[in-house]
Amino acid sequence: MGMEGEGMGFGFSFGWLFMIGIWVLIGLVVMAMLRAFSGPQKGPVDERRRALDILNERYARGEIDQQEYRRMKHEINERY
């Protein structure tokens, strides 16, 4: 009879740990879903860098001359 009582105590001692794990897992899933639905967060630095990358590519391909490149780069730097 002594063995039965010890077995029940072992099962209950890890039950609360399992429950905490479930709640942490649920929280992580909710956070992942919120992050996925909110989309990427872009800041002014990212937009400025993207604009300058496009400008550099256009200049490298010869689509714009040096004077136009400098003017547009100045405008981008003032805007962001």
PDB file of N, CA and C in Angstrom:
ATOM      1  N   MET A   1       0.806  -1.197   0.000  1.00  0.00           N
ATOM      2  CA  MET A   1       0.000   0.000   0.000  1.00  0.00           C
ATOM      3  C   MET A   1       0.849   1.261   0.000  1.00  0.00           C
ATOM      4  N   GLY A   2       2.006   1.210   0.567  1.00  0.00           N
ATOM      5  CA  GLY A   2       2.863   2.374   0.619  1.00  0.00           C
ATOM      6  C   GLY A   2       3.332   2.825  -0.755  1.00  0.00           C
ATOM      7  N   MET A   3       3.433   1.930  -1.691  1.00  0.00           N
ATOM      8  CA  MET A   3       3.917   2.256  -3.026  1.00  0.00           C
ATOM      9  C   MET A   3       2.881   3.049  -3.825  1.00  0.00           C
ATOM     10  N   GLU A   4       1.630   2.802  -3.600  1.00  0.00           N
ATOM     11  CA  GLU A   4       0.593   3.507  -4.355  1.00  0.00           C
ATOM     12  C   GLU A   4       0.578   4.987  -4.020  1.00  0.00           C
ATOM     13  N   GLY A   5       0.737   5.333  -2.793  1.00  0.00           N
ATOM     14  CA  GLY A   5       0.726   6.729  -2.385  1.00  0.00           C
ATOM     15  C   GLY A   5       1.899   7.506  -2.956  1.00  0.00           C
ATOM     16  N   GLU A   6       3.058   6.891  -3.061  1.00  0.00           N
ATOM     17  CA  GLU A   6       4.232   7.567  -3.605  1.00  0.00           C
ATOM     18  C   GLU A   6       4.077   7.813  -5.098  1.00  0.00           C
ATOM     19  N   GLY A   7       3.458   6.919  -5.792  1.00  0.00           N
ATOM     20  CA  GLY A   7       3.268   7.078  -7.234  1.00  0.00           C
ATOM     21  C   GLY A   7       2.383   8.259  -7.572  1.00  0.00           C
ATOM     22  N   MET A   8       1.361   8.504  -6.798  1.00  0.00           N
ATOM     23  CA  MET A   8       0.452   9.612  -7.071  1.00  0.00           C
ATOM     24  C   MET A   8       1.140  10.951  -6.828  1.00  0.00           C
ATOM     25  N   GLY A   9       1.970  11.020  -5.832  1.00  0.00           N
ATOM     26  CA  GLY A   9       2.680  12.257  -5.548  1.00  0.00           C
ATOM     27  C   GLY A   9       3.626  12.646  -6.665  1.00  0.00           C
ATOM     28  N   PHE A  10       4.264  11.669  -7.287  1.00  0.00           N
ATOM     29  CA  PHE A  10       5.181  11.936  -8.380  1.00  0.00           C
ATOM     30  C   PHE A  10       4.445  12.534  -9.579  1.00  0.00           C
ATOM     31  N   GLY A  11       3.284  12.016  -9.878  1.00  0.00           N
ATOM     32  CA  GLY A  11       2.507  12.516 -11.019  1.00  0.00           C
ATOM     33  C   GLY A  11       2.044  13.942 -10.821  1.00  0.00           C
ATOM     34  N   PHE A  12       1.637  14.297  -9.642  1.00  0.00           N
ATOM     35  CA  PHE A  12       1.147  15.652  -9.392  1.00  0.00           C
ATOM     36  C   PHE A  12       2.279  16.671  -9.318  1.00  0.00           C
ATOM     37  N   SER A  13       3.471  16.253  -8.983  1.00  0.00           N
ATOM     38  CA  SER A  13       4.556  17.218  -8.837  1.00  0.00           C
ATOM     39  C   SER A  13       4.987  17.806 -10.176  1.00  0.00           C
ATOM     40  N   PHE A  14       4.802  17.087 -11.263  1.00  0.00           N
ATOM     41  CA  PHE A  14       5.174  17.608 -12.575  1.00  0.00           C
ATOM     42  C   PHE A  14       3.989  18.149 -13.367  1.00  0.00           C
ATOM     43  N   GLY A  15       2.795  18.043 -12.848  1.00  0.00           N
ATOM     44  CA  GLY A  15       1.603  18.536 -13.540  1.00  0.00           C
ATOM     45  C   GLY A  15       1.618  20.042 -13.711  1.00  0.00           C
ATOM     46  N   TRP A  16       2.018  20.766 -12.677  1.00  0.00           N
ATOM     47  CA  TRP A  16       2.052  22.238 -12.768  1.00  0.00           C
ATOM     48  C   TRP A  16       3.118  22.696 -13.751  1.00  0.00           C
ATOM     49  N   LEU A  17       4.225  21.945 -13.844  1.00  0.00           N
ATOM     50  CA  LEU A  17       5.283  22.293 -14.785  1.00  0.00           C
ATOM     51  C   LEU A  17       4.791  22.117 -16.222  1.00  0.00           C
ATOM     52  N   PHE A  18       4.063  21.054 -16.461  1.00  0.00           N
ATOM     53  CA  PHE A  18       3.478  20.806 -17.775  1.00  0.00           C
ATOM     54  C   PHE A  18       2.488  21.911 -18.146  1.00  0.00           C
ATOM     55  N   MET A  19       1.670  22.336 -17.179  1.00  0.00           N
ATOM     56  CA  MET A  19       0.672  23.377 -17.437  1.00  0.00           C
ATOM     57  C   MET A  19       1.349  24.709 -17.777  1.00  0.00           C
ATOM     58  N   ILE A  20       2.408  25.053 -17.079  1.00  0.00           N
ATOM     59  CA  ILE A  20       3.148  26.279 -17.392  1.00  0.00           C
ATOM     60  C   ILE A  20       3.720  26.196 -18.806  1.00  0.00           C
ATOM     61  N   GLY A  21       4.239  25.029 -19.164  1.00  0.00           N
ATOM     62  CA  GLY A  21       4.772  24.834 -20.519  1.00  0.00           C
ATOM     63  C   GLY A  21       3.712  25.035 -21.583  1.00  0.00           C
ATOM     64  N   ILE A  22       2.517  24.558 -21.333  1.00  0.00           N
ATOM     65  CA  ILE A  22       1.412  24.735 -22.288  1.00  0.00           C
ATOM     66  C   ILE A  22       1.092  26.218 -22.458  1.00  0.00           C
ATOM     67  N   TRP A  23       1.014  26.956 -21.339  1.00  0.00           N
ATOM     68  CA  TRP A  23       0.694  28.384 -21.424  1.00  0.00           C
ATOM     69  C   TRP A  23       1.801  29.178 -22.121  1.00  0.00           C
ATOM     70  N   VAL A  24       3.042  28.819 -21.891  1.00  0.00           N
ATOM     71  CA  VAL A  24       4.156  29.473 -22.586  1.00  0.00           C
ATOM     72  C   VAL A  24       4.068  29.193 -24.079  1.00  0.00           C
ATOM     73  N   LEU A  25       3.780  27.968 -24.444  1.00  0.00           N
ATOM     74  CA  LEU A  25       3.633  27.608 -25.853  1.00  0.00           C
ATOM     75  C   LEU A  25       2.490  28.379 -26.510  1.00  0.00           C
ATOM     76  N   ILE A  26       1.371  28.491 -25.839  1.00  0.00           N
ATOM     77  CA  ILE A  26       0.237  29.257 -26.366  1.00  0.00           C
ATOM     78  C   ILE A  26       0.636  30.720 -26.554  1.00  0.00           C
ATOM     79  N   GLY A  27       1.344  31.280 -25.587  1.00  0.00           N
ATOM     80  CA  GLY A  27       1.797  32.664 -25.699  1.00  0.00           C
ATOM     81  C   GLY A  27       2.732  32.877 -26.879  1.00  0.00           C
ATOM     82  N   LEU A  28       3.652  31.948 -27.096  1.00  0.00           N
ATOM     83  CA  LEU A  28       4.570  32.055 -28.229  1.00  0.00           C
ATOM     84  C   LEU A  28       3.839  31.966 -29.566  1.00  0.00           C
ATOM     85  N   VAL A  29       2.851  31.108 -29.641  1.00  0.00           N
ATOM     86  CA  VAL A  29       2.063  30.988 -30.878  1.00  0.00           C
ATOM     87  C   VAL A  29       1.307  32.286 -31.151  1.00  0.00           C
ATOM     88  N   VAL A  30       0.700  32.862 -30.124  1.00  0.00           N
ATOM     89  CA  VAL A  30      -0.034  34.116 -30.291  1.00  0.00           C
ATOM     90  C   VAL A  30       0.913  35.228 -30.736  1.00  0.00           C
ATOM     91  N   MET A  31       2.081  35.312 -30.122  1.00  0.00           N
ATOM     92  CA  MET A  31       3.051  36.348 -30.508  1.00  0.00           C
ATOM     93  C   MET A  31       3.513  36.169 -31.949  1.00  0.00           C
ATOM     94  N   ALA A  32       3.742  34.929 -32.360  1.00  0.00           N
ATOM     95  CA  ALA A  32       4.166  34.659 -33.734  1.00  0.00           C
ATOM     96  C   ALA A  32       3.077  35.048 -34.728  1.00  0.00           C
ATOM     97  N   MET A  33       1.827  34.777 -34.378  1.00  0.00           N
ATOM     98  CA  MET A  33       0.725  35.142 -35.268  1.00  0.00           C
ATOM     99  C   MET A  33       0.586  36.650 -35.377  1.00  0.00           C
ATOM    100  N   LEU A  34       0.705  37.363 -34.275  1.00  0.00           N
ATOM    101  CA  LEU A  34       0.618  38.821 -34.321  1.00  0.00           C
ATOM    102  C   LEU A  34       1.738  39.415 -35.156  1.00  0.00           C
ATOM    103  N   ARG A  35       2.922  38.884 -34.999  1.00  0.00           N
ATOM    104  CA  ARG A  35       4.057  39.386 -35.773  1.00  0.00           C
ATOM    105  C   ARG A  35       3.882  39.093 -37.256  1.00  0.00           C
ATOM    106  N   ALA A  36       3.346  37.930 -37.586  1.00  0.00           N
ATOM    107  CA  ALA A  36       3.151  37.553 -38.984  1.00  0.00           C
ATOM    108  C   ALA A  36       2.081  38.419 -39.654  1.00  0.00           C
ATOM    109  N   PHE A  37       1.015  38.734 -38.930  1.00  0.00           N
ATOM    110  CA  PHE A  37      -0.064  39.519 -39.527  1.00  0.00           C
ATOM    111  C   PHE A  37       0.230  41.009 -39.549  1.00  0.00           C
ATOM    112  N   SER A  38       1.136  41.481 -38.716  1.00  0.00           N
ATOM    113  CA  SER A  38       1.432  42.911 -38.700  1.00  0.00           C
ATOM    114  C   SER A  38       2.318  43.312 -39.870  1.00  0.00           C
ATOM    115  N   GLY A  39       3.016  42.365 -40.487  1.00  0.00           N
ATOM    116  CA  GLY A  39       3.862  42.648 -41.631  1.00  0.00           C
ATOM    117  C   GLY A  39       5.191  43.227 -41.202  1.00  0.00           C
ATOM    118  N   PRO A  40       6.088  43.399 -42.156  1.00  0.00           N
ATOM    119  CA  PRO A  40       7.406  43.931 -41.808  1.00  0.00           C
ATOM    120  C   PRO A  40       7.321  45.404 -41.424  1.00  0.00           C
ATOM    121  N   GLN A  41       8.072  45.749 -40.415  1.00  0.00           N
ATOM    122  CA  GLN A  41       8.112  47.134 -39.956  1.00  0.00           C
ATOM    123  C   GLN A  41       9.265  47.847 -40.644  1.00  0.00           C
ATOM    124  N   LYS A  42       8.936  48.846 -41.438  1.00  0.00           N
ATOM    125  CA  LYS A  42       9.967  49.598 -42.142  1.00  0.00           C
ATOM    126  C   LYS A  42      10.092  50.973 -41.517  1.00  0.00           C
ATOM    127  N   GLY A  43      11.290  51.392 -41.357  1.00  0.00           N
ATOM    128  CA  GLY A  43      11.549  52.717 -40.821  1.00  0.00           C
ATOM    129  C   GLY A  43      12.110  53.614 -41.893  1.00  0.00           C
ATOM    130  N   PRO A  44      12.305  54.886 -41.580  1.00  0.00           N
ATOM    131  CA  PRO A  44      12.846  55.826 -42.559  1.00  0.00           C
ATOM    132  C   PRO A  44      14.248  55.446 -43.014  1.00  0.00           C
ATOM    133  N   VAL A  45      15.033  54.809 -42.147  1.00  0.00           N
ATOM    134  CA  VAL A  45      16.389  54.416 -42.537  1.00  0.00           C
ATOM    135  C   VAL A  45      16.338  53.362 -43.630  1.00  0.00           C
ATOM    136  N   ASP A  46      15.423  52.395 -43.497  1.00  0.00           N
ATOM    137  CA  ASP A  46      15.280  51.352 -44.513  1.00  0.00           C
ATOM    138  C   ASP A  46      14.818  51.941 -45.842  1.00  0.00           C
ATOM    139  N   GLU A  47      13.880  52.856 -45.802  1.00  0.00           N
ATOM    140  CA  GLU A  47      13.373  53.468 -47.028  1.00  0.00           C
ATOM    141  C   GLU A  47      14.459  54.300 -47.705  1.00  0.00           C
ATOM    142  N   ARG A  48      15.229  55.025 -46.911  1.00  0.00           N
ATOM    143  CA  ARG A  48      16.325  55.837 -47.466  1.00  0.00           C
ATOM    144  C   ARG A  48      17.359  54.936 -48.119  1.00  0.00           C
ATOM    145  N   ARG A  49      17.706  53.860 -47.434  1.00  0.00           N
ATOM    146  CA  ARG A  49      18.714  52.940 -47.981  1.00  0.00           C
ATOM    147  C   ARG A  49      18.217  52.312 -49.278  1.00  0.00           C
ATOM    148  N   ARG A  50      16.944  51.946 -49.314  1.00  0.00           N
ATOM    149  CA  ARG A  50      16.385  51.350 -50.539  1.00  0.00           C
ATOM    150  C   ARG A  50      16.389  52.354 -51.681  1.00  0.00           C
ATOM    151  N   ALA A  51      16.029  53.596 -51.384  1.00  0.00           N
ATOM    152  CA  ALA A  51      16.025  54.640 -52.422  1.00  0.00           C
ATOM    153  C   ALA A  51      17.441  54.870 -52.953  1.00  0.00           C
ATOM    154  N   LEU A  52      18.413  54.902 -52.063  1.00  0.00           N
ATOM    155  CA  LEU A  52      19.797  55.110 -52.503  1.00  0.00           C
ATOM    156  C   LEU A  52      20.310  53.906 -53.301  1.00  0.00           C
ATOM    157  N   ASP A  53      19.913  52.712 -52.930  1.00  0.00           N
ATOM    158  CA  ASP A  53      20.314  51.522 -53.688  1.00  0.00           C
ATOM    159  C   ASP A  53      19.768  51.581 -55.111  1.00  0.00           C
ATOM    160  N   ILE A  54      18.509  51.967 -55.241  1.00  0.00           N
ATOM    161  CA  ILE A  54      17.901  52.079 -56.572  1.00  0.00           C
ATOM    162  C   ILE A  54      18.605  53.158 -57.383  1.00  0.00           C
ATOM    163  N   LEU A  55      18.896  54.287 -56.741  1.00  0.00           N
ATOM    164  CA  LEU A  55      19.589  55.375 -57.429  1.00  0.00           C
ATOM    165  C   LEU A  55      20.974  54.931 -57.892  1.00  0.00           C
ATOM    166  N   ASN A  56      21.701  54.232 -57.035  1.00  0.00           N
ATOM    167  CA  ASN A  56      23.037  53.741 -57.411  1.00  0.00           C
ATOM    168  C   ASN A  56      22.968  52.765 -58.577  1.00  0.00           C
ATOM    169  N   GLU A  57      21.960  51.905 -58.584  1.00  0.00           N
ATOM    170  CA  GLU A  57      21.795  50.964 -59.692  1.00  0.00           C
ATOM    171  C   GLU A  57      21.505  51.701 -60.995  1.00  0.00           C
ATOM    172  N   ARG A  58      20.655  52.704 -60.939  1.00  0.00           N
ATOM    173  CA  ARG A  58      20.333  53.472 -62.161  1.00  0.00           C
ATOM    174  C   ARG A  58      21.557  54.197 -62.697  1.00  0.00           C
ATOM    175  N   TYR A  59      22.367  54.734 -61.789  1.00  0.00           N
ATOM    176  CA  TYR A  59      23.589  55.432 -62.208  1.00  0.00           C
ATOM    177  C   TYR A  59      24.593  54.432 -62.799  1.00  0.00           C
ATOM    178  N   ALA A  60      24.707  53.266 -62.183  1.00  0.00           N
ATOM    179  CA  ALA A  60      25.633  52.249 -62.672  1.00  0.00           C
ATOM    180  C   ALA A  60      25.229  51.730 -64.049  1.00  0.00           C
ATOM    181  N   ARG A  61      23.936  51.669 -64.329  1.00  0.00           N
ATOM    182  CA  ARG A  61      23.462  51.212 -65.636  1.00  0.00           C
ATOM    183  C   ARG A  61      23.539  52.293 -66.702  1.00  0.00           C
ATOM    184  N   GLY A  62      23.806  53.518 -66.280  1.00  0.00           N
ATOM    185  CA  GLY A  62      23.909  54.615 -67.234  1.00  0.00           C
ATOM    186  C   GLY A  62      22.576  55.263 -67.568  1.00  0.00           C
ATOM    187  N   GLU A  63      21.560  55.011 -66.771  1.00  0.00           N
ATOM    188  CA  GLU A  63      20.246  55.589 -67.023  1.00  0.00           C
ATOM    189  C   GLU A  63      20.215  57.080 -66.693  1.00  0.00           C
ATOM    190  N   ILE A  64      21.044  57.515 -65.767  1.00  0.00           N
ATOM    191  CA  ILE A  64      21.108  58.930 -65.384  1.00  0.00           C
ATOM    192  C   ILE A  64      22.563  59.371 -65.393  1.00  0.00           C
ATOM    193  N   ASP A  65      22.762  60.663 -65.630  1.00  0.00           N
ATOM    194  CA  ASP A  65      24.133  61.187 -65.642  1.00  0.00           C
ATOM    195  C   ASP A  65      24.548  61.632 -64.233  1.00  0.00           C
ATOM    196  N   GLN A  66      25.804  62.076 -64.116  1.00  0.00           N
ATOM    197  CA  GLN A  66      26.353  62.413 -62.807  1.00  0.00           C
ATOM    198  C   GLN A  66      25.624  63.591 -62.156  1.00  0.00           C
ATOM    199  N   GLN A  67      25.267  64.585 -62.944  1.00  0.00           N
ATOM    200  CA  GLN A  67      24.578  65.753 -62.398  1.00  0.00           C
ATOM    201  C   GLN A  67      23.208  65.359 -61.838  1.00  0.00           C
ATOM    202  N   GLU A  68      22.463  64.559 -62.598  1.00  0.00           N
ATOM    203  CA  GLU A  68      21.154  64.113 -62.135  1.00  0.00           C
ATOM    204  C   GLU A  68      21.291  63.199 -60.908  1.00  0.00           C
ATOM    205  N   TYR A  69      22.331  62.349 -60.912  1.00  0.00           N
ATOM    206  CA  TYR A  69      22.589  61.462 -59.773  1.00  0.00           C
ATOM    207  C   TYR A  69      22.805  62.274 -58.507  1.00  0.00           C
ATOM    208  N   ARG A  70      23.650  63.299 -58.573  1.00  0.00           N
ATOM    209  CA  ARG A  70      23.935  64.125 -57.393  1.00  0.00           C
ATOM    210  C   ARG A  70      22.699  64.869 -56.912  1.00  0.00           C
ATOM    211  N   ARG A  71      21.914  65.376 -57.856  1.00  0.00           N
ATOM    212  CA  ARG A  71      20.696  66.095 -57.484  1.00  0.00           C
ATOM    213  C   ARG A  71      19.712  65.176 -56.771  1.00  0.00           C
ATOM    214  N   MET A  72      19.513  64.006 -57.332  1.00  0.00           N
ATOM    215  CA  MET A  72      18.562  63.061 -56.738  1.00  0.00           C
ATOM    216  C   MET A  72      19.066  62.539 -55.385  1.00  0.00           C
ATOM    217  N   LYS A  73      20.358  62.318 -55.267  1.00  0.00           N
ATOM    218  CA  LYS A  73      20.916  61.854 -53.995  1.00  0.00           C
ATOM    219  C   LYS A  73      20.723  62.920 -52.914  1.00  0.00           C
ATOM    220  N   HIS A  74      20.920  64.171 -53.298  1.00  0.00           N
ATOM    221  CA  HIS A  74      20.706  65.277 -52.358  1.00  0.00           C
ATOM    222  C   HIS A  74      19.243  65.330 -51.909  1.00  0.00           C
ATOM    223  N   GLU A  75      18.320  65.143 -52.825  1.00  0.00           N
ATOM    224  CA  GLU A  75      16.893  65.146 -52.496  1.00  0.00           C
ATOM    225  C   GLU A  75      16.534  63.984 -51.551  1.00  0.00           C
ATOM    226  N   ILE A  76      17.096  62.832 -51.818  1.00  0.00           N
ATOM    227  CA  ILE A  76      16.825  61.673 -50.951  1.00  0.00           C
ATOM    228  C   ILE A  76      17.350  61.933 -49.549  1.00  0.00           C
ATOM    229  N   ASN A  77      18.555  62.459 -49.442  1.00  0.00           N
ATOM    230  CA  ASN A  77      19.140  62.726 -48.129  1.00  0.00           C
ATOM    231  C   ASN A  77      18.367  63.798 -47.362  1.00  0.00           C
ATOM    232  N   GLU A  78      17.807  64.758 -48.060  1.00  0.00           N
ATOM    233  CA  GLU A  78      16.995  65.784 -47.385  1.00  0.00           C
ATOM    234  C   GLU A  78      15.651  65.217 -46.928  1.00  0.00           C
ATOM    235  N   ARG A  79      15.073  64.334 -47.716  1.00  0.00           N
ATOM    236  CA  ARG A  79      13.754  63.787 -47.422  1.00  0.00           C
ATOM    237  C   ARG A  79      13.781  62.856 -46.203  1.00  0.00           C
ATOM    238  N   TYR A  80      14.820  62.058 -46.107  1.00  0.00           N
ATOM    239  CA  TYR A  80      14.891  61.073 -45.033  1.00  0.00           C
ATOM    240  C   TYR A  80      15.877  61.551 -44.039  1.00  0.00           C
TER     241      TYR A  80
END
